[in-house]
């Protein structure tokens, strides 16, 4: 993993943890937002909007089912940002 990729993942984690109101050490790359952190659909939309704003990308709401872990969010953002 490159330093650039690691910093993007760290920023995604920071945003997601802020939205879910949890500490970063409570989340792993495979933590499931709904099952492990009690996220709901409104929080999922907030996460999507946060990614769009931070990384200046457009993400279709149809991608939400993939955006349930940090890895999933990174994959969706990376695909839409062309990383």
N, C-alpha and C. Protein backbone atom coordinates (compact mmCIF):
# COMPACT_ATOMS: atom_id res chain seq x y z
N UNK A 1 0.85 -1.17 0.00
CA UNK A 1 0.00 0.00 0.00
C UNK A 1 0.90 1.24 0.00
N UNK A 2 0.57 2.18 -0.86
CA UNK A 2 1.37 3.41 -0.93
C UNK A 2 1.00 4.34 0.22
N UNK A 3 1.85 5.30 0.47
CA UNK A 3 1.59 6.31 1.51
C UNK A 3 0.33 7.09 1.15
N UNK A 4 0.19 7.38 -0.14
CA UNK A 4 -0.98 8.14 -0.59
C UNK A 4 -2.27 7.35 -0.33
N UNK A 5 -2.26 6.06 -0.64
CA UNK A 5 -3.43 5.22 -0.39
C UNK A 5 -3.72 5.15 1.10
N UNK A 6 -2.69 4.96 1.90
CA UNK A 6 -2.86 4.89 3.35
C UNK A 6 -3.45 6.19 3.89
N UNK A 7 -3.01 7.32 3.37
CA UNK A 7 -3.53 8.59 3.87
C UNK A 7 -4.99 8.79 3.46
N UNK A 8 -5.36 8.31 2.26
CA UNK A 8 -6.76 8.40 1.83
C UNK A 8 -7.63 7.50 2.71
N UNK A 9 -7.16 6.29 2.99
CA UNK A 9 -7.92 5.39 3.86
C UNK A 9 -8.06 6.00 5.25
N UNK A 10 -6.98 6.61 5.76
CA UNK A 10 -7.04 7.24 7.08
C UNK A 10 -8.05 8.38 7.09
N UNK A 11 -8.10 9.17 6.01
CA UNK A 11 -9.06 10.29 5.94
C UNK A 11 -10.49 9.75 5.86
N UNK A 12 -10.70 8.70 5.08
CA UNK A 12 -12.03 8.08 5.00
C UNK A 12 -12.45 7.60 6.39
N UNK A 13 -11.55 6.94 7.08
CA UNK A 13 -11.85 6.43 8.42
C UNK A 13 -12.20 7.58 9.36
N UNK A 14 -11.45 8.66 9.28
CA UNK A 14 -11.71 9.83 10.12
C UNK A 14 -13.11 10.38 9.88
N UNK A 15 -13.49 10.52 8.62
CA UNK A 15 -14.81 11.05 8.27
C UNK A 15 -15.90 10.10 8.74
N UNK A 16 -15.75 8.81 8.47
CA UNK A 16 -16.78 7.83 8.86
C UNK A 16 -16.94 7.79 10.38
N UNK A 17 -15.84 7.77 11.10
CA UNK A 17 -15.92 7.74 12.57
C UNK A 17 -16.57 9.00 13.11
N UNK A 18 -16.29 10.14 12.51
CA UNK A 18 -16.92 11.39 12.92
C UNK A 18 -18.43 11.32 12.71
N UNK A 19 -18.85 10.82 11.56
CA UNK A 19 -20.29 10.72 11.26
C UNK A 19 -20.96 9.71 12.20
N UNK A 20 -20.30 8.58 12.45
CA UNK A 20 -20.89 7.55 13.32
C UNK A 20 -20.70 7.85 14.82
N UNK A 21 -19.94 8.93 15.10
CA UNK A 21 -19.68 9.35 16.48
C UNK A 21 -19.03 8.24 17.30
N UNK A 22 -17.98 7.66 16.73
CA UNK A 22 -17.20 6.64 17.43
C UNK A 22 -15.72 7.00 17.35
N UNK A 23 -14.94 6.42 18.24
CA UNK A 23 -13.49 6.63 18.23
C UNK A 23 -12.88 5.80 17.10
N UNK A 24 -11.81 6.32 16.52
CA UNK A 24 -11.18 5.61 15.40
C UNK A 24 -10.67 4.23 15.79
N UNK A 25 -10.26 4.06 17.06
CA UNK A 25 -9.76 2.75 17.47
C UNK A 25 -10.87 1.72 17.64
N UNK A 26 -12.13 2.15 17.54
CA UNK A 26 -13.27 1.23 17.63
C UNK A 26 -13.60 0.61 16.27
N UNK A 27 -12.97 1.12 15.20
CA UNK A 27 -13.30 0.66 13.86
C UNK A 27 -12.10 0.03 13.17
N UNK A 28 -12.36 -1.10 12.51
CA UNK A 28 -11.33 -1.73 11.67
C UNK A 28 -11.74 -1.56 10.22
N UNK A 29 -10.89 -1.97 9.31
CA UNK A 29 -11.22 -1.85 7.88
C UNK A 29 -12.39 -2.73 7.49
N UNK A 30 -12.69 -3.75 8.30
CA UNK A 30 -13.79 -4.66 7.97
C UNK A 30 -14.96 -4.57 8.94
N UNK A 31 -14.92 -3.61 9.87
CA UNK A 31 -16.08 -3.41 10.77
C UNK A 31 -17.29 -3.08 9.91
N UNK A 32 -18.40 -3.71 10.22
CA UNK A 32 -19.64 -3.48 9.49
C UNK A 32 -20.38 -2.33 10.18
N UNK A 33 -20.63 -1.26 9.42
CA UNK A 33 -21.21 -0.06 10.02
C UNK A 33 -22.53 -0.32 10.72
N UNK A 34 -23.40 -1.11 10.11
CA UNK A 34 -24.73 -1.36 10.69
C UNK A 34 -24.63 -2.34 11.85
N UNK A 35 -24.01 -3.49 11.61
CA UNK A 35 -23.98 -4.54 12.63
C UNK A 35 -23.06 -4.20 13.80
N UNK A 36 -21.92 -3.57 13.53
CA UNK A 36 -20.95 -3.31 14.59
C UNK A 36 -21.08 -1.93 15.23
N UNK A 37 -21.64 -0.97 14.48
CA UNK A 37 -21.65 0.42 14.97
C UNK A 37 -23.03 1.07 14.93
N UNK A 38 -24.06 0.26 14.69
CA UNK A 38 -25.46 0.71 14.76
C UNK A 38 -25.78 1.87 13.84
N UNK A 39 -25.16 1.90 12.68
CA UNK A 39 -25.48 2.94 11.69
C UNK A 39 -26.84 2.65 11.07
N UNK A 40 -27.50 3.70 10.62
CA UNK A 40 -28.77 3.52 9.92
C UNK A 40 -28.66 4.12 8.52
N UNK A 41 -29.76 4.09 7.78
CA UNK A 41 -29.70 4.54 6.38
C UNK A 41 -29.39 6.03 6.27
N UNK A 42 -29.83 6.83 7.23
CA UNK A 42 -29.51 8.26 7.18
C UNK A 42 -28.01 8.49 7.36
N UNK A 43 -27.40 7.73 8.26
CA UNK A 43 -25.96 7.85 8.45
C UNK A 43 -25.20 7.37 7.21
N UNK A 44 -25.73 6.36 6.56
CA UNK A 44 -25.10 5.86 5.33
C UNK A 44 -25.10 6.96 4.27
N UNK A 45 -26.19 7.69 4.16
CA UNK A 45 -26.27 8.79 3.19
C UNK A 45 -25.31 9.91 3.59
N UNK A 46 -25.19 10.17 4.89
CA UNK A 46 -24.23 11.17 5.36
C UNK A 46 -22.80 10.77 4.99
N UNK A 47 -22.49 9.48 5.14
CA UNK A 47 -21.16 8.99 4.78
C UNK A 47 -20.92 9.20 3.29
N UNK A 48 -21.90 8.85 2.47
CA UNK A 48 -21.78 9.04 1.02
C UNK A 48 -21.56 10.52 0.72
N UNK A 49 -22.35 11.40 1.32
CA UNK A 49 -22.22 12.84 1.07
C UNK A 49 -20.86 13.35 1.55
N UNK A 50 -20.39 12.84 2.67
CA UNK A 50 -19.08 13.24 3.18
C UNK A 50 -17.96 12.86 2.24
N UNK A 51 -18.07 11.69 1.63
CA UNK A 51 -17.06 11.25 0.68
C UNK A 51 -17.09 12.12 -0.58
N UNK A 52 -18.30 12.43 -1.04
CA UNK A 52 -18.43 13.27 -2.23
C UNK A 52 -17.79 14.64 -2.00
N UNK A 53 -18.07 15.21 -0.84
CA UNK A 53 -17.55 16.54 -0.52
C UNK A 53 -16.03 16.52 -0.36
N UNK A 54 -15.52 15.58 0.40
CA UNK A 54 -14.08 15.52 0.69
C UNK A 54 -13.25 15.22 -0.56
N UNK A 55 -13.72 14.29 -1.37
CA UNK A 55 -12.92 13.83 -2.50
C UNK A 55 -13.40 14.35 -3.85
N UNK A 56 -14.41 15.23 -3.81
CA UNK A 56 -14.93 15.88 -5.01
C UNK A 56 -15.30 14.87 -6.11
N UNK A 57 -16.11 13.90 -5.70
CA UNK A 57 -16.60 12.87 -6.62
C UNK A 57 -18.12 12.82 -6.52
N UNK A 58 -18.74 12.19 -7.49
CA UNK A 58 -20.17 11.93 -7.44
C UNK A 58 -20.35 10.43 -7.29
N UNK A 59 -21.13 10.05 -6.27
CA UNK A 59 -21.36 8.63 -5.99
C UNK A 59 -22.86 8.39 -6.03
N UNK A 60 -23.27 7.45 -6.85
CA UNK A 60 -24.69 7.11 -6.94
C UNK A 60 -25.17 6.44 -5.66
N UNK A 61 -26.41 6.72 -5.26
CA UNK A 61 -26.94 6.08 -4.05
C UNK A 61 -27.03 4.57 -4.22
N UNK A 62 -27.04 4.09 -5.44
CA UNK A 62 -27.07 2.63 -5.67
C UNK A 62 -25.79 1.96 -5.16
N UNK A 63 -24.75 2.75 -4.87
CA UNK A 63 -23.50 2.20 -4.33
C UNK A 63 -23.57 1.98 -2.82
N UNK A 64 -24.60 2.51 -2.16
CA UNK A 64 -24.69 2.39 -0.70
C UNK A 64 -24.55 0.97 -0.16
N UNK A 65 -25.14 -0.04 -0.81
CA UNK A 65 -24.98 -1.40 -0.28
C UNK A 65 -23.52 -1.87 -0.21
N UNK A 66 -22.66 -1.30 -1.03
CA UNK A 66 -21.23 -1.65 -0.99
C UNK A 66 -20.48 -0.87 0.08
N UNK A 67 -21.08 0.23 0.55
CA UNK A 67 -20.39 1.14 1.46
C UNK A 67 -20.72 0.83 2.92
N UNK A 68 -20.50 -0.42 3.34
CA UNK A 68 -20.86 -0.83 4.70
C UNK A 68 -19.64 -1.13 5.57
N UNK A 69 -18.44 -1.03 4.97
CA UNK A 69 -17.19 -1.19 5.71
C UNK A 69 -16.22 -0.13 5.18
N UNK A 70 -15.13 0.12 5.90
CA UNK A 70 -14.13 1.07 5.40
C UNK A 70 -13.58 0.61 4.05
N UNK A 71 -13.31 -0.69 3.93
CA UNK A 71 -12.80 -1.21 2.66
C UNK A 71 -13.78 -0.93 1.52
N UNK A 72 -15.06 -1.15 1.80
CA UNK A 72 -16.09 -0.90 0.79
C UNK A 72 -16.17 0.55 0.39
N UNK A 73 -16.12 1.44 1.38
CA UNK A 73 -16.16 2.87 1.10
C UNK A 73 -14.96 3.27 0.26
N UNK A 74 -13.77 2.78 0.65
CA UNK A 74 -12.57 3.12 -0.11
C UNK A 74 -12.70 2.66 -1.57
N UNK A 75 -13.18 1.43 -1.78
CA UNK A 75 -13.32 0.90 -3.13
C UNK A 75 -14.25 1.77 -3.97
N UNK A 76 -15.40 2.15 -3.39
CA UNK A 76 -16.37 2.96 -4.13
C UNK A 76 -15.78 4.33 -4.45
N UNK A 77 -15.17 4.96 -3.46
CA UNK A 77 -14.58 6.28 -3.68
C UNK A 77 -13.45 6.19 -4.72
N UNK A 78 -12.60 5.18 -4.58
CA UNK A 78 -11.49 5.01 -5.52
C UNK A 78 -11.98 4.84 -6.95
N UNK A 79 -13.02 4.02 -7.13
CA UNK A 79 -13.58 3.81 -8.47
C UNK A 79 -14.13 5.10 -9.04
N UNK A 80 -14.84 5.85 -8.22
CA UNK A 80 -15.46 7.08 -8.70
C UNK A 80 -14.45 8.22 -8.88
N UNK A 81 -13.34 8.17 -8.13
CA UNK A 81 -12.31 9.21 -8.24
C UNK A 81 -11.24 8.85 -9.25
N UNK A 82 -11.26 7.60 -9.73
CA UNK A 82 -10.27 7.18 -10.71
C UNK A 82 -8.89 6.92 -10.10
N UNK A 83 -8.83 6.51 -8.84
CA UNK A 83 -7.54 6.24 -8.19
C UNK A 83 -7.00 4.91 -8.64
